[in-house]
Amino acid sequence: MKNTTKIILLSFRYVYFLSSILLVIILSTSCNQNNKDLEQNELKSTIIQTEKDFETAVREKGIQTAFYEYADSNAVLKRDDDRLIKGKEFIKAYYQNPAYKNDSVSWKPDFVEVSNDGSLAYTYGKYLWKVKDSTGKFIEFNGVFHTVWKKQKDGSWKYIWD
């Protein structure tokens, strides 16, 4: 009888020990997921703010300067007839065209997603591009943008695709 009682007590201790370990694993996994969700939300907020700052820079500094400042050195623009403008310096040269001096553009992301490791993000939404014609009237073009962002070594975000 004593041996049976010892075995039962050891079994209960063993089950208690395993249950405790399982509970710790479940709680730590849950906390890690909550922390990851919080980090993702913070990163998404940072990207939305970066989009706002980019748009403000376009309005205050002009299209050429803003698109240059917010471009990664290897950024690519897809424009017009599916032409690709590759590299920050070529983007600057592209927007050097005098036609862009009177243009304005505004946009707002409708969706933001960030990679699990927090190094890349993408946004998309609607934009409004206004072009002044030869008579001085503005012509409006509506569209959808898609931007891919890359986190820089200094913690800032630059676009790599627009």
N, C-alpha and C. Protein backbone atom coordinates (compact mmCIF):
# COMPACT_ATOMS: atom_id res chain seq x y z
N MET A 1 0.81 -1.19 0.00
CA MET A 1 0.00 0.00 0.00
C MET A 1 0.86 1.26 0.00
N LYS A 2 1.98 1.21 0.73
CA LYS A 2 2.84 2.37 0.79
C LYS A 2 3.43 2.66 -0.59
N ASN A 3 3.81 1.65 -1.30
CA ASN A 3 4.40 1.84 -2.64
C ASN A 3 3.38 2.44 -3.60
N THR A 4 2.15 2.01 -3.50
CA THR A 4 1.09 2.54 -4.36
C THR A 4 0.86 4.01 -4.06
N THR A 5 0.85 4.37 -2.79
CA THR A 5 0.67 5.77 -2.40
C THR A 5 1.83 6.61 -2.92
N LYS A 6 3.06 6.10 -2.80
CA LYS A 6 4.22 6.83 -3.31
C LYS A 6 4.11 7.03 -4.82
N ILE A 7 3.70 6.01 -5.52
CA ILE A 7 3.57 6.09 -6.98
C ILE A 7 2.51 7.12 -7.35
N ILE A 8 1.40 7.10 -6.65
CA ILE A 8 0.32 8.06 -6.92
C ILE A 8 0.80 9.48 -6.64
N LEU A 9 1.49 9.69 -5.52
CA LEU A 9 2.01 11.02 -5.18
C LEU A 9 3.03 11.49 -6.22
N LEU A 10 3.91 10.59 -6.62
CA LEU A 10 4.90 10.94 -7.65
C LEU A 10 4.20 11.27 -8.97
N SER A 11 3.15 10.55 -9.29
CA SER A 11 2.40 10.80 -10.52
C SER A 11 1.75 12.18 -10.47
N PHE A 12 1.15 12.52 -9.32
CA PHE A 12 0.55 13.85 -9.18
C PHE A 12 1.60 14.95 -9.29
N ARG A 13 2.75 14.73 -8.67
CA ARG A 13 3.82 15.73 -8.76
C ARG A 13 4.30 15.88 -10.21
N TYR A 14 4.42 14.76 -10.87
CA TYR A 14 4.86 14.78 -12.27
C TYR A 14 3.84 15.53 -13.14
N VAL A 15 2.57 15.23 -12.97
CA VAL A 15 1.50 15.91 -13.72
C VAL A 15 1.49 17.39 -13.38
N TYR A 16 1.65 17.73 -12.09
CA TYR A 16 1.68 19.13 -11.66
C TYR A 16 2.87 19.85 -12.31
N PHE A 17 4.03 19.19 -12.31
CA PHE A 17 5.24 19.76 -12.90
C PHE A 17 5.04 20.01 -14.40
N LEU A 18 4.53 19.03 -15.11
CA LEU A 18 4.29 19.18 -16.55
C LEU A 18 3.24 20.25 -16.84
N SER A 19 2.20 20.31 -16.03
CA SER A 19 1.17 21.33 -16.20
C SER A 19 1.75 22.72 -16.00
N SER A 20 2.61 22.86 -15.01
CA SER A 20 3.24 24.16 -14.75
C SER A 20 4.10 24.59 -15.93
N ILE A 21 4.87 23.66 -16.46
CA ILE A 21 5.72 23.98 -17.61
C ILE A 21 4.85 24.37 -18.80
N LEU A 22 3.80 23.63 -19.04
CA LEU A 22 2.90 23.93 -20.15
C LEU A 22 2.26 25.31 -19.98
N LEU A 23 1.86 25.64 -18.77
CA LEU A 23 1.26 26.95 -18.50
C LEU A 23 2.27 28.07 -18.76
N VAL A 24 3.50 27.88 -18.34
CA VAL A 24 4.55 28.88 -18.59
C VAL A 24 4.77 29.06 -20.09
N ILE A 25 4.80 27.97 -20.82
CA ILE A 25 4.99 28.05 -22.28
C ILE A 25 3.84 28.80 -22.94
N ILE A 26 2.63 28.47 -22.56
CA ILE A 26 1.44 29.13 -23.13
C ILE A 26 1.45 30.62 -22.82
N LEU A 27 1.74 30.98 -21.57
CA LEU A 27 1.76 32.39 -21.18
C LEU A 27 2.86 33.16 -21.89
N SER A 28 4.04 32.56 -22.01
CA SER A 28 5.13 33.27 -22.67
C SER A 28 4.87 33.43 -24.16
N THR A 29 4.28 32.43 -24.77
CA THR A 29 3.93 32.53 -26.19
C THR A 29 2.90 33.62 -26.41
N SER A 30 1.91 33.67 -25.52
CA SER A 30 0.87 34.70 -25.61
C SER A 30 1.47 36.08 -25.44
N CYS A 31 2.37 36.24 -24.47
CA CYS A 31 3.01 37.55 -24.25
C CYS A 31 3.86 37.93 -25.45
N ASN A 32 4.59 36.97 -26.01
CA ASN A 32 5.41 37.26 -27.19
C ASN A 32 4.55 37.70 -28.36
N GLN A 33 3.41 37.05 -28.55
CA GLN A 33 2.52 37.43 -29.64
C GLN A 33 1.96 38.83 -29.42
N ASN A 34 1.58 39.13 -28.17
CA ASN A 34 1.08 40.47 -27.87
C ASN A 34 2.15 41.53 -28.12
N ASN A 35 3.40 41.23 -27.74
CA ASN A 35 4.50 42.15 -28.00
C ASN A 35 4.72 42.33 -29.50
N LYS A 36 4.66 41.24 -30.23
CA LYS A 36 4.82 41.32 -31.70
C LYS A 36 3.72 42.15 -32.33
N ASP A 37 2.49 41.95 -31.89
CA ASP A 37 1.36 42.73 -32.40
C ASP A 37 1.55 44.21 -32.10
N LEU A 38 2.02 44.50 -30.90
CA LEU A 38 2.26 45.89 -30.50
C LEU A 38 3.36 46.51 -31.37
N GLU A 39 4.44 45.75 -31.60
CA GLU A 39 5.53 46.23 -32.45
C GLU A 39 5.02 46.49 -33.88
N GLN A 40 4.23 45.57 -34.40
CA GLN A 40 3.69 45.72 -35.76
C GLN A 40 2.82 46.97 -35.85
N ASN A 41 1.98 47.20 -34.85
CA ASN A 41 1.12 48.39 -34.85
C ASN A 41 1.95 49.67 -34.77
N GLU A 42 3.00 49.65 -33.96
CA GLU A 42 3.88 50.82 -33.87
C GLU A 42 4.58 51.07 -35.21
N LEU A 43 5.04 50.01 -35.86
CA LEU A 43 5.69 50.16 -37.16
C LEU A 43 4.71 50.68 -38.22
N LYS A 44 3.49 50.19 -38.18
CA LYS A 44 2.49 50.68 -39.13
C LYS A 44 2.22 52.16 -38.91
N SER A 45 2.15 52.58 -37.65
CA SER A 45 1.96 54.00 -37.35
C SER A 45 3.14 54.82 -37.87
N THR A 46 4.34 54.29 -37.74
CA THR A 46 5.53 54.98 -38.24
C THR A 46 5.47 55.13 -39.76
N ILE A 47 5.03 54.09 -40.45
CA ILE A 47 4.92 54.16 -41.91
C ILE A 47 3.86 55.19 -42.32
N ILE A 48 2.74 55.19 -41.65
CA ILE A 48 1.69 56.18 -41.96
C ILE A 48 2.23 57.60 -41.75
N GLN A 49 2.98 57.80 -40.67
CA GLN A 49 3.57 59.12 -40.42
C GLN A 49 4.60 59.46 -41.50
N THR A 50 5.36 58.48 -41.93
CA THR A 50 6.34 58.71 -42.99
C THR A 50 5.64 59.13 -44.27
N GLU A 51 4.52 58.47 -44.59
CA GLU A 51 3.73 58.86 -45.77
C GLU A 51 3.26 60.32 -45.64
N LYS A 52 2.77 60.69 -44.46
CA LYS A 52 2.31 62.07 -44.23
C LYS A 52 3.46 63.06 -44.38
N ASP A 53 4.61 62.72 -43.81
CA ASP A 53 5.78 63.60 -43.89
C ASP A 53 6.24 63.74 -45.34
N PHE A 54 6.20 62.65 -46.08
CA PHE A 54 6.56 62.66 -47.49
C PHE A 54 5.63 63.59 -48.27
N GLU A 55 4.34 63.44 -48.04
CA GLU A 55 3.35 64.30 -48.73
C GLU A 55 3.56 65.77 -48.36
N THR A 56 3.83 66.04 -47.10
CA THR A 56 4.10 67.42 -46.66
C THR A 56 5.35 67.97 -47.34
N ALA A 57 6.38 67.14 -47.46
CA ALA A 57 7.61 67.57 -48.13
C ALA A 57 7.34 67.90 -49.60
N VAL A 58 6.48 67.12 -50.26
CA VAL A 58 6.12 67.42 -51.65
C VAL A 58 5.47 68.79 -51.73
N ARG A 59 4.57 69.06 -50.82
CA ARG A 59 3.84 70.32 -50.82
C ARG A 59 4.77 71.51 -50.50
N GLU A 60 5.67 71.33 -49.54
CA GLU A 60 6.51 72.43 -49.07
C GLU A 60 7.81 72.60 -49.86
N LYS A 61 8.40 71.50 -50.32
CA LYS A 61 9.70 71.57 -50.98
C LYS A 61 9.64 71.32 -52.48
N GLY A 62 8.51 70.79 -52.93
CA GLY A 62 8.37 70.47 -54.33
C GLY A 62 8.54 68.98 -54.59
N ILE A 63 8.00 68.56 -55.72
CA ILE A 63 7.99 67.14 -56.08
C ILE A 63 9.41 66.60 -56.22
N GLN A 64 10.26 67.31 -56.95
CA GLN A 64 11.62 66.82 -57.19
C GLN A 64 12.39 66.59 -55.89
N THR A 65 12.40 67.58 -55.03
CA THR A 65 13.16 67.48 -53.78
C THR A 65 12.61 66.38 -52.88
N ALA A 66 11.31 66.33 -52.72
CA ALA A 66 10.72 65.33 -51.82
C ALA A 66 10.94 63.91 -52.34
N PHE A 67 10.71 63.70 -53.63
CA PHE A 67 10.91 62.35 -54.16
C PHE A 67 12.38 61.94 -54.09
N TYR A 68 13.28 62.89 -54.15
CA TYR A 68 14.71 62.61 -54.00
C TYR A 68 15.03 62.29 -52.54
N GLU A 69 14.56 63.11 -51.62
CA GLU A 69 14.88 62.93 -50.20
C GLU A 69 14.32 61.63 -49.61
N TYR A 70 13.16 61.22 -50.08
CA TYR A 70 12.53 60.02 -49.51
C TYR A 70 12.89 58.74 -50.25
N ALA A 71 13.74 58.84 -51.26
CA ALA A 71 14.13 57.67 -52.06
C ALA A 71 15.33 56.96 -51.44
N ASP A 72 15.27 55.65 -51.40
CA ASP A 72 16.42 54.82 -51.11
C ASP A 72 17.39 54.97 -52.29
N SER A 73 18.66 54.74 -52.09
CA SER A 73 19.62 54.92 -53.19
C SER A 73 19.30 54.01 -54.39
N ASN A 74 18.64 52.89 -54.14
CA ASN A 74 18.28 51.96 -55.22
C ASN A 74 16.79 52.01 -55.56
N ALA A 75 16.13 53.09 -55.24
CA ALA A 75 14.68 53.19 -55.47
C ALA A 75 14.35 53.09 -56.96
N VAL A 76 13.12 52.64 -57.22
CA VAL A 76 12.61 52.52 -58.58
C VAL A 76 11.23 53.16 -58.64
N LEU A 77 11.01 54.01 -59.63
CA LEU A 77 9.69 54.57 -59.90
C LEU A 77 9.13 53.91 -61.14
N LYS A 78 7.86 53.58 -61.13
CA LYS A 78 7.16 53.12 -62.33
C LYS A 78 6.25 54.27 -62.74
N ARG A 79 6.49 54.82 -63.91
CA ARG A 79 5.76 55.99 -64.36
C ARG A 79 5.28 55.83 -65.80
N ASP A 80 4.37 56.74 -66.13
CA ASP A 80 3.85 56.90 -67.50
C ASP A 80 3.53 55.57 -68.16
N ASP A 81 4.24 55.27 -69.22
CA ASP A 81 3.96 54.08 -70.02
C ASP A 81 4.75 52.88 -69.51
N ASP A 82 4.64 52.60 -68.23
CA ASP A 82 5.35 51.51 -67.56
C ASP A 82 6.87 51.66 -67.63
N ARG A 83 7.31 52.90 -67.75
CA ARG A 83 8.74 53.17 -67.75
C ARG A 83 9.25 53.07 -66.31
N LEU A 84 10.42 52.49 -66.14
CA LEU A 84 11.04 52.39 -64.83
C LEU A 84 12.19 53.39 -64.73
N ILE A 85 12.18 54.18 -63.68
CA ILE A 85 13.26 55.11 -63.38
C ILE A 85 13.99 54.52 -62.19
N LYS A 86 15.25 54.11 -62.41
CA LYS A 86 15.99 53.36 -61.40
C LYS A 86 17.10 54.20 -60.79
N GLY A 87 17.08 54.32 -59.49
CA GLY A 87 18.13 55.01 -58.77
C GLY A 87 17.74 56.42 -58.37
N LYS A 88 18.19 56.81 -57.23
CA LYS A 88 17.85 58.09 -56.63
C LYS A 88 18.22 59.27 -57.52
N GLU A 89 19.38 59.23 -58.13
CA GLU A 89 19.83 60.34 -58.98
C GLU A 89 18.98 60.44 -60.25
N PHE A 90 18.58 59.30 -60.80
CA PHE A 90 17.73 59.33 -61.99
C PHE A 90 16.31 59.81 -61.66
N ILE A 91 15.86 59.51 -60.45
CA ILE A 91 14.56 60.01 -60.00
C ILE A 91 14.61 61.54 -59.90
N LYS A 92 15.69 62.06 -59.35
CA LYS A 92 15.87 63.50 -59.25
C LYS A 92 15.87 64.13 -60.65
N ALA A 93 16.59 63.51 -61.57
CA ALA A 93 16.65 64.02 -62.94
C ALA A 93 15.28 63.95 -63.62
N TYR A 94 14.53 62.88 -63.37
CA TYR A 94 13.21 62.72 -63.96
C TYR A 94 12.29 63.86 -63.55
N TYR A 95 12.31 64.21 -62.27
CA TYR A 95 11.44 65.28 -61.77
C TYR A 95 12.02 66.67 -61.97
N GLN A 96 13.18 66.76 -62.62
CA GLN A 96 13.76 68.06 -62.94
C GLN A 96 13.03 68.71 -64.11
N ASN A 97 12.23 67.94 -64.81
CA ASN A 97 11.44 68.46 -65.93
C ASN A 97 10.61 69.65 -65.42
N PRO A 98 10.70 70.81 -66.10
CA PRO A 98 9.97 72.01 -65.66
C PRO A 98 8.46 71.81 -65.54
N ALA A 99 7.92 70.84 -66.26
CA ALA A 99 6.48 70.59 -66.20
C ALA A 99 6.02 70.24 -64.78
N TYR A 100 6.90 69.63 -63.99
CA TYR A 100 6.53 69.21 -62.64
C TYR A 100 6.56 70.35 -61.62
N LYS A 101 7.13 71.48 -61.99
CA LYS A 101 7.24 72.60 -61.04
C LYS A 101 5.87 73.14 -60.62
N ASN A 102 4.89 73.09 -61.51
CA ASN A 102 3.56 73.59 -61.19
C ASN A 102 2.57 72.50 -60.79
N ASP A 103 3.01 71.26 -60.84
CA ASP A 103 2.14 70.15 -60.46
C ASP A 103 2.03 70.04 -58.95
N SER A 104 0.99 69.38 -58.52
CA SER A 104 0.87 69.05 -57.10
C SER A 104 0.28 67.65 -57.00
N VAL A 105 0.58 67.00 -55.91
CA VAL A 105 0.08 65.65 -55.69
C VAL A 105 -0.24 65.48 -54.21
N SER A 106 -1.33 64.79 -53.95
CA SER A 106 -1.70 64.45 -52.58
C SER A 106 -2.15 63.00 -52.57
N TRP A 107 -1.98 62.36 -51.44
CA TRP A 107 -2.35 60.95 -51.34
C TRP A 107 -2.57 60.57 -49.89
N LYS A 108 -3.19 59.41 -49.72
CA LYS A 108 -3.41 58.88 -48.39
C LYS A 108 -3.43 57.36 -48.47
N PRO A 109 -2.61 56.70 -47.65
CA PRO A 109 -2.63 55.24 -47.68
C PRO A 109 -3.93 54.68 -47.09
N ASP A 110 -4.49 53.71 -47.78
CA ASP A 110 -5.66 53.00 -47.29
C ASP A 110 -5.27 51.71 -46.57
N PHE A 111 -4.04 51.25 -46.84
CA PHE A 111 -3.60 49.97 -46.28
C PHE A 111 -2.09 50.04 -46.04
N VAL A 112 -1.67 49.46 -44.92
CA VAL A 112 -0.26 49.38 -44.56
C VAL A 112 0.02 47.97 -44.06
N GLU A 113 1.12 47.40 -44.52
CA GLU A 113 1.56 46.10 -44.00
C GLU A 113 3.06 46.17 -43.79
N VAL A 114 3.53 45.53 -42.71
CA VAL A 114 4.95 45.53 -42.37
C VAL A 114 5.41 44.08 -42.30
N SER A 115 6.62 43.82 -42.80
CA SER A 115 7.17 42.47 -42.74
C SER A 115 7.37 42.04 -41.29
N ASN A 116 7.42 40.73 -41.08
CA ASN A 116 7.56 40.21 -39.71
C ASN A 116 8.82 40.69 -39.03
N ASP A 117 9.90 40.87 -39.80
CA ASP A 117 11.15 41.31 -39.18
C ASP A 117 11.25 42.84 -39.09
N GLY A 118 10.24 43.56 -39.61
CA GLY A 118 10.20 45.01 -39.48
C GLY A 118 11.14 45.77 -40.39
N SER A 119 11.65 45.12 -41.45
CA SER A 119 12.61 45.79 -42.33
C SER A 119 11.98 46.34 -43.60
N LEU A 120 10.81 45.83 -43.98
CA LEU A 120 10.11 46.28 -45.18
C LEU A 120 8.64 46.54 -44.86
N ALA A 121 8.05 47.42 -45.64
CA ALA A 121 6.63 47.70 -45.49
C ALA A 121 6.08 48.11 -46.85
N TYR A 122 4.78 48.00 -47.00
CA TYR A 122 4.17 48.53 -48.22
C TYR A 122 2.85 49.20 -47.87
N THR A 123 2.52 50.17 -48.73
CA THR A 123 1.27 50.90 -48.58
C THR A 123 0.61 50.98 -49.94
N TYR A 124 -0.69 51.17 -49.91
CA TYR A 124 -1.39 51.55 -51.13
C TYR A 124 -2.61 52.37 -50.76
N GLY A 125 -3.06 53.15 -51.72
CA GLY A 125 -4.19 54.02 -51.49
C GLY A 125 -4.45 54.86 -52.72
N LYS A 126 -5.17 55.93 -52.53
CA LYS A 126 -5.56 56.79 -53.66
C LYS A 126 -4.71 58.06 -53.67
N TYR A 127 -4.44 58.55 -54.88
CA TYR A 127 -3.74 59.82 -55.02
C TYR A 127 -4.51 60.73 -55.95
N LEU A 128 -4.21 62.02 -55.84
CA LEU A 128 -4.76 63.04 -56.72
C LEU A 128 -3.58 63.87 -57.23
N TRP A 129 -3.37 63.84 -58.54
CA TRP A 129 -2.29 64.58 -59.17
C TRP A 129 -2.91 65.71 -59.97
N LYS A 130 -2.46 66.94 -59.72
CA LYS A 130 -2.98 68.10 -60.43
C LYS A 130 -1.89 68.68 -61.33
N VAL A 131 -2.26 68.87 -62.60
CA VAL A 131 -1.35 69.39 -63.61
C VAL A 131 -1.92 70.69 -64.16
N LYS A 132 -1.08 71.71 -64.23
CA LYS A 132 -1.52 72.98 -64.80
C LYS A 132 -1.30 72.93 -66.31
N ASP A 133 -2.38 73.15 -67.07
CA ASP A 133 -2.25 73.13 -68.53
C ASP A 133 -1.77 74.49 -69.06
N SER A 134 -1.66 74.61 -70.37
CA SER A 134 -1.11 75.82 -70.99
C SER A 134 -1.99 77.06 -70.75
N THR A 135 -3.26 76.84 -70.41
CA THR A 135 -4.15 77.99 -70.14
C THR A 135 -4.16 78.37 -68.66
N GLY A 136 -3.43 77.61 -67.85
CA GLY A 136 -3.38 77.89 -66.43
C GLY A 136 -4.42 77.14 -65.61
N LYS A 137 -5.24 76.34 -66.28
CA LYS A 137 -6.24 75.54 -65.56
C LYS A 137 -5.61 74.24 -65.07
N PHE A 138 -6.09 73.79 -63.92
CA PHE A 138 -5.60 72.52 -63.39
C PHE A 138 -6.43 71.36 -63.93
N ILE A 139 -5.74 70.33 -64.34
CA ILE A 139 -6.36 69.08 -64.75
C ILE A 139 -6.02 68.06 -63.67
N GLU A 140 -7.03 67.34 -63.21
CA GLU A 140 -6.83 66.38 -62.13
C GLU A 140 -6.80 64.95 -62.65
N PHE A 141 -5.86 64.19 -62.09
CA PHE A 141 -5.75 62.76 -62.39
C PHE A 141 -5.84 62.01 -61.07
N ASN A 142 -6.77 61.08 -61.01
CA ASN A 142 -6.92 60.23 -59.83
C ASN A 142 -6.31 58.88 -60.13
N GLY A 143 -5.79 58.26 -59.12
CA GLY A 143 -5.22 56.93 -59.33
C GLY A 143 -4.98 56.22 -58.03
N VAL A 144 -4.35 55.09 -58.15
CA VAL A 144 -3.99 54.27 -56.99
C VAL A 144 -2.47 54.17 -56.96
N PHE A 145 -1.89 54.39 -55.80
CA PHE A 145 -0.45 54.25 -55.65
C PHE A 145 -0.13 52.99 -54.86
N HIS A 146 1.09 52.53 -55.03
CA HIS A 146 1.61 51.40 -54.27
C HIS A 146 3.06 51.71 -53.98
N THR A 147 3.41 51.82 -52.72
CA THR A 147 4.78 52.16 -52.33
C THR A 147 5.34 51.06 -51.44
N VAL A 148 6.60 50.70 -51.70
CA VAL A 148 7.31 49.75 -50.85
C VAL A 148 8.39 50.53 -50.12
N TRP A 149 8.42 50.34 -48.81
CA TRP A 149 9.34 51.08 -47.94
C TRP A 149 10.38 50.14 -47.36
N LYS A 150 11.60 50.66 -47.19
CA LYS A 150 12.70 49.87 -46.60
C LYS A 150 13.27 50.65 -45.42
N LYS A 151 13.41 49.96 -44.30
CA LYS A 151 13.99 50.59 -43.12
C LYS A 151 15.48 50.78 -43.34
N GLN A 152 15.96 51.98 -43.05
CA GLN A 152 17.36 52.31 -43.24
C GLN A 152 18.16 52.02 -41.97
N LYS A 153 19.47 52.01 -42.10
CA LYS A 153 20.34 51.72 -40.95
C LYS A 153 20.13 52.72 -39.82
N ASP A 154 19.77 53.96 -40.16
CA ASP A 154 19.55 54.98 -39.13
C ASP A 154 18.15 54.93 -38.52
N GLY A 155 17.32 53.96 -38.96
CA GLY A 155 15.97 53.80 -38.42
C GLY A 155 14.90 54.51 -39.23
N SER A 156 15.30 55.36 -40.17
CA SER A 156 14.32 56.04 -41.02
C SER A 156 13.82 55.08 -42.10
N TRP A 157 12.78 55.50 -42.80
CA TRP A 157 12.21 54.70 -43.88
C TRP A 157 12.34 55.46 -45.21
N LYS A 158 12.78 54.75 -46.24
CA LYS A 158 12.89 55.31 -47.59
C LYS A 158 12.14 54.37 -48.52
N TYR A 159 11.55 54.94 -49.57
CA TYR A 159 10.84 54.07 -50.51
C TYR A 159 11.84 53.42 -51.46
N ILE A 160 11.53 52.17 -51.82
CA ILE A 160 12.34 51.46 -52.81
C ILE A 160 11.53 51.21 -54.08
N TRP A 161 10.21 51.42 -54.00
CA TRP A 161 9.33 51.25 -55.15
C TRP A 161 8.16 52.21 -55.00
N ASP A 162 7.87 52.93 -56.09
CA ASP A 162 6.71 53.80 -56.07
C ASP A 162 6.14 53.82 -57.47
